[in-house]
C-alpha atoms as a PDB file:
ATOM      1  CA  MET A   1      -0.007   0.034  -0.052  1.00  0.00           C
ATOM      2  CA  ASN A   2       2.751   2.462   0.959  1.00  0.00           C
ATOM      3  CA  ARG A   3       4.678   1.830  -2.226  1.00  0.00           C
ATOM      4  CA  SER A   4       1.607   2.240  -4.344  1.00  0.00           C
ATOM      5  CA  ILE A   5       0.683   5.567  -2.644  1.00  0.00           C
ATOM      6  CA  THR A   6       4.193   6.809  -3.086  1.00  0.00           C
ATOM      7  CA  ARG A   7       4.124   5.821  -6.726  1.00  0.00           C
ATOM      8  CA  GLY A   8       0.690   7.470  -7.142  1.00  0.00           C
ATOM      9  CA  ILE A   9       1.986  10.767  -5.651  1.00  0.00           C
ATOM     10  CA  TRP A  10       4.835  10.705  -8.070  1.00  0.00           C
ATOM     11  CA  ILE A  11       2.780   9.920 -11.120  1.00  0.00           C
ATOM     12  CA  GLY A  12       0.019  12.384 -10.017  1.00  0.00           C
ATOM     13  CA  THR A  13       2.521  15.062  -9.446  1.00  0.00           C
ATOM     14  CA  ILE A  14       4.270  14.687 -12.786  1.00  0.00           C
ATOM     15  CA  PHE A  15       1.222  14.369 -14.919  1.00  0.00           C
ATOM     16  CA  GLY A  16      -0.796  16.965 -12.844  1.00  0.00           C
ATOM     17  CA  GLY A  17       1.900  19.488 -13.474  1.00  0.00           C
ATOM     18  CA  LEU A  18       1.947  18.630 -17.158  1.00  0.00           C
ATOM     19  CA  ILE A  19      -1.803  19.023 -17.544  1.00  0.00           C
ATOM     20  CA  GLY A  20      -1.769  22.202 -15.393  1.00  0.00           C
ATOM     21  CA  ALA A  21       1.166  23.779 -17.365  1.00  0.00           C
ATOM     22  CA  GLY A  22      -0.537  22.744 -20.704  1.00  0.00           C
ATOM     23  CA  PHE A  23      -3.732  24.295 -19.766  1.00  0.00           C
ATOM     24  CA  GLY A  24      -2.030  27.486 -18.480  1.00  0.00           C
ATOM     25  CA  ALA A  25      -0.164  27.637 -21.765  1.00  0.00           C
ATOM     26  CA  ILE A  26      -3.425  28.506 -23.481  1.00  0.00           C
ATOM     27  CA  THR A  27      -3.113  31.955 -21.884  1.00  0.00           C
ATOM     28  CA  THR A  28       0.275  32.426 -23.759  1.00  0.00           C
ATOM     29  CA  SER A  29       1.723  34.055 -20.708  1.00  0.00           C
ATOM     30  CA  LEU A  30       4.432  32.895 -18.363  1.00  0.00           C
ATOM     31  CA  ASN A  31       2.184  33.776 -15.350  1.00  0.00           C
ATOM     32  CA  GLY A  32      -0.572  31.592 -16.697  1.00  0.00           C
ATOM     33  CA  ILE A  33       1.798  28.655 -17.247  1.00  0.00           C
ATOM     34  CA  LEU A  34       3.263  28.902 -13.746  1.00  0.00           C
ATOM     35  CA  THR A  35      -0.064  29.213 -12.093  1.00  0.00           C
ATOM     36  CA  GLY A  36      -1.397  26.225 -13.967  1.00  0.00           C
ATOM     37  CA  LEU A  37       1.820  24.199 -13.154  1.00  0.00           C
ATOM     38  CA  VAL A  38       1.563  24.957  -9.400  1.00  0.00           C
ATOM     39  CA  ILE A  39      -2.295  24.117  -9.279  1.00  0.00           C
ATOM     40  CA  GLY A  40      -1.522  20.885 -11.293  1.00  0.00           C
ATOM     41  CA  LEU A  41       1.329  19.871  -8.970  1.00  0.00           C
ATOM     42  CA  VAL A  42      -0.813  20.411  -5.829  1.00  0.00           C
ATOM     43  CA  LEU A  43      -3.906  18.672  -7.178  1.00  0.00           C
ATOM     44  CA  GLY A  44      -1.698  15.965  -8.678  1.00  0.00           C
ATOM     45  CA  GLU A  45      -0.271  15.146  -5.243  1.00  0.00           C
ATOM     46  CA  ILE A  46      -3.609  14.975  -3.684  1.00  0.00           C
ATOM     47  CA  ILE A  47      -5.281  13.008  -6.378  1.00  0.00           C
ATOM     48  CA  GLY A  48      -2.208  10.700  -6.726  1.00  0.00           C
ATOM     49  CA  ALA A  49      -2.339   9.639  -3.081  1.00  0.00           C
ATOM     50  CA  LEU A  50      -6.180   9.243  -3.003  1.00  0.00           C
ATOM     51  CA  ILE A  51      -6.355   7.370  -6.343  1.00  0.00           C
ATOM     52  CA  ALA A  52      -3.413   5.058  -5.484  1.00  0.00           C
ATOM     53  CA  ALA A  53      -5.070   4.103  -2.103  1.00  0.00           C
ATOM     54  CA  LEU A  54      -8.451   3.486  -3.783  1.00  0.00           C
ATOM     55  CA  THR A  55      -6.785   1.449  -6.506  1.00  0.00           C
ATOM     56  CA  VAL A  56      -5.128  -0.813  -4.041  1.00  0.00           C
ATOM     57  CA  LYS A  57      -8.434  -1.345  -2.328  1.00  0.00           C
ATOM     58  CA  THR A  58     -10.522  -1.948  -5.431  1.00  0.00           C
ATOM     59  CA  ALA A  59      -8.139  -3.664  -7.844  1.00  0.00           C
ATOM     60  CA  GLY A  60      -5.814  -5.250  -5.511  1.00  0.00           C
ATOM     61  CA  THR A  61      -3.370  -7.666  -7.150  1.00  0.00           C
ATOM     62  CA  THR A  62      -5.879  -9.228  -9.515  1.00  0.00           C
ATOM     63  CA  GLY A  63      -7.669  -6.272 -10.937  1.00  0.00           C
ATOM     64  CA  GLY A  64      -5.154  -4.835 -13.252  1.00  0.00           C
ATOM     65  CA  VAL A  65      -5.095  -1.731 -15.563  1.00  0.00           C
ATOM     66  CA  SER A  66      -8.831  -1.779 -16.445  1.00  0.00           C
ATOM     67  CA  VAL A  67     -10.172  -1.878 -12.862  1.00  0.00           C
ATOM     68  CA  GLY A  68      -7.800   0.782 -11.835  1.00  0.00           C
ATOM     69  CA  ALA A  69      -8.541   3.050 -14.827  1.00  0.00           C
ATOM     70  CA  TYR A  70     -12.296   2.804 -14.862  1.00  0.00           C
ATOM     71  CA  THR A  71     -12.792   3.040 -11.056  1.00  0.00           C
ATOM     72  CA  GLU A  72     -10.512   5.993 -10.845  1.00  0.00           C
ATOM     73  CA  MET A  73     -12.039   7.655 -13.919  1.00  0.00           C
ATOM     74  CA  ALA A  74     -15.403   7.789 -12.084  1.00  0.00           C
ATOM     75  CA  PHE A  75     -13.776   8.968  -8.826  1.00  0.00           C
ATOM     76  CA  GLY A  76     -11.832  11.645 -10.521  1.00  0.00           C
ATOM     77  CA  MET A  77     -15.015  12.990 -12.327  1.00  0.00           C
ATOM     78  CA  VAL A  78     -16.873  13.296  -8.954  1.00  0.00           C
ATOM     79  CA  PHE A  79     -13.801  14.755  -7.056  1.00  0.00           C
ATOM     80  CA  GLY A  80     -13.374  17.217  -9.936  1.00  0.00           C
ATOM     81  CA  LEU A  81     -16.996  18.283  -9.871  1.00  0.00           C
ATOM     82  CA  VAL A  82     -16.827  18.857  -6.140  1.00  0.00           C
ATOM     83  CA  ILE A  83     -13.583  21.030  -6.461  1.00  0.00           C
ATOM     84  CA  GLY A  84     -15.034  22.826  -9.514  1.00  0.00           C
ATOM     85  CA  LEU A  85     -18.231  23.723  -7.574  1.00  0.00           C
ATOM     86  CA  LEU A  86     -16.214  25.028  -4.647  1.00  0.00           C
ATOM     87  CA  ILE A  87     -14.125  27.533  -6.746  1.00  0.00           C
ATOM     88  CA  PRO A  88     -15.369  30.870  -5.514  1.00  0.00           C
ATOM     89  CA  THR A  89     -16.949  33.286  -8.074  1.00  0.00           C
ATOM     90  CA  SER A  90     -14.462  35.918  -7.273  1.00  0.00           C
ATOM     91  CA  ILE A  91     -11.604  33.741  -8.319  1.00  0.00           C
ATOM     92  CA  ARG A  92     -13.416  32.546 -11.326  1.00  0.00           C
ATOM     93  CA  ASN A  93     -14.180  36.110 -12.514  1.00  0.00           C
ATOM     94  CA  SER A  94     -10.616  37.295 -11.912  1.00  0.00           C
ATOM     95  CA  ALA A  95      -9.087  34.610 -14.021  1.00  0.00           C
ATOM     96  CA  ASN A  96      -6.842  36.193 -16.596  1.00  0.00           C
ATOM     97  CA  THR A  97      -8.252  34.690 -19.784  1.00  0.00           C
ATOM     98  CA  GLU A  98      -6.475  37.305 -22.075  1.00  0.00           C
ATOM     99  CA  GLY A  99      -9.702  37.856 -23.955  1.00  0.00           C
ATOM    100  CA  LEU A 100      -9.416  34.330 -25.548  1.00  0.00           C
ATOM    101  CA  PRO A 101     -13.071  33.098 -26.328  1.00  0.00           C
ATOM    102  CA  VAL A 102     -12.260  29.522 -25.377  1.00  0.00           C
ATOM    103  CA  LEU A 103     -11.030  30.502 -21.825  1.00  0.00           C
ATOM    104  CA  ASP A 104     -13.850  33.055 -21.483  1.00  0.00           C
ATOM    105  CA  ALA A 105     -16.415  30.296 -22.180  1.00  0.00           C
ATOM    106  CA  LEU A 106     -14.722  27.922 -19.573  1.00  0.00           C
ATOM    107  CA  VAL A 107     -14.894  30.313 -16.706  1.00  0.00           C
ATOM    108  CA  MET A 108     -18.218  31.977 -17.551  1.00  0.00           C
ATOM    109  CA  GLY A 109     -20.243  30.156 -15.004  1.00  0.00           C
ATOM    110  CA  ARG A 110     -20.016  27.749 -12.220  1.00  0.00           C
ATOM    111  CA  PHE A 111     -21.271  24.838 -14.330  1.00  0.00           C
ATOM    112  CA  GLU A 112     -18.665  25.217 -17.044  1.00  0.00           C
ATOM    113  CA  THR A 113     -15.904  25.539 -14.508  1.00  0.00           C
ATOM    114  CA  ALA A 114     -17.064  22.361 -12.676  1.00  0.00           C
ATOM    115  CA  ILE A 115     -17.277  20.364 -15.849  1.00  0.00           C
ATOM    116  CA  LEU A 116     -13.780  21.472 -17.012  1.00  0.00           C
ATOM    117  CA  THR A 117     -12.284  20.571 -13.555  1.00  0.00           C
ATOM    118  CA  SER A 118     -14.117  17.301 -13.596  1.00  0.00           C
ATOM    119  CA  PHE A 119     -12.733  16.441 -17.043  1.00  0.00           C
ATOM    120  CA  LEU A 120      -9.118  17.316 -16.186  1.00  0.00           C
ATOM    121  CA  LEU A 121      -9.167  15.505 -12.919  1.00  0.00           C
ATOM    122  CA  SER A 122     -10.843  12.482 -14.467  1.00  0.00           C
ATOM    123  CA  ILE A 123      -8.017  12.386 -17.047  1.00  0.00           C
ATOM    124  CA  LEU A 124      -5.350  12.577 -14.223  1.00  0.00           C
ATOM    125  CA  ALA A 125      -7.145  10.026 -12.078  1.00  0.00           C
ATOM    126  CA  THR A 126      -7.345   7.613 -15.078  1.00  0.00           C
ATOM    127  CA  ILE A 127      -3.619   7.892 -15.586  1.00  0.00           C
ATOM    128  CA  VAL A 128      -2.709   7.281 -11.966  1.00  0.00           C
ATOM    129  CA  GLY A 129      -5.265   4.440 -11.574  1.00  0.00           C
ATOM    130  CA  ALA A 130      -4.190   2.581 -14.690  1.00  0.00           C
ATOM    131  CA  TRP A 131      -0.493   2.837 -13.783  1.00  0.00           C
ATOM    132  CA  THR A 132      -1.066   1.769 -10.222  1.00  0.00           C
ATOM    133  CA  GLY A 133      -3.388  -1.030 -11.129  1.00  0.00           C
ATOM    134  CA  GLY A 134      -0.961  -2.405 -13.720  1.00  0.00           C
ATOM    135  CA  LYS A 135       1.981  -2.213 -11.294  1.00  0.00           C
ATOM    136  CA  ASN A 136       0.050  -4.137  -8.604  1.00  0.00           C
ATOM    137  CA  LEU A 137      -1.153  -6.859 -10.933  1.00  0.00           C
ATOM    138  CA  VAL A 138       0.230 -10.204 -10.147  1.00  0.00           C
ATOM    139  CA  PRO A 139       0.016 -12.336 -13.310  1.00  0.00           C
ATOM    140  CA  ARG A 140      -1.648 -15.798 -13.131  1.00  0.00           C
ATOM    141  CA  ASP A 141       0.157 -18.885 -14.245  1.00  0.00           C
ATOM    142  CA  LEU A 142      -2.243 -20.303 -16.890  1.00  0.00           C
ATOM    143  CA  GLN A 143      -0.106 -23.334 -17.555  1.00  0.00           C
ATOM    144  CA  GLU A 144      -1.204 -25.099 -14.368  1.00  0.00           C
END
């Protein structure tokens, strides 16, 4: 369990940072990229630990990649919705979208922000769940 959680934290941090920096790059500013990177790193650590622990409990050593991926995809979606709904309106309205229509549409309302957060955290959770489930899988000997 501890090895899986440590692995999940590392995977979540790396891919969370990549997703955050990539999303921040849409603003075409260094400030946007760094803000996205920091948010991605923090959420990646949290999601990585939660997802790895949940994958160990649901997939165990026999579930494999599929059980880890699908279970964590659903968990990431729900967790992302909750986080997206908790983002205050003042922060959402002060987001520096640089006048880009795509970013303006994503922060227009609470629903749009919650769906975007849910989607991004679902992707991150799927990556961590599949990786952790695959590493924990103990292959069966089918020759016996």
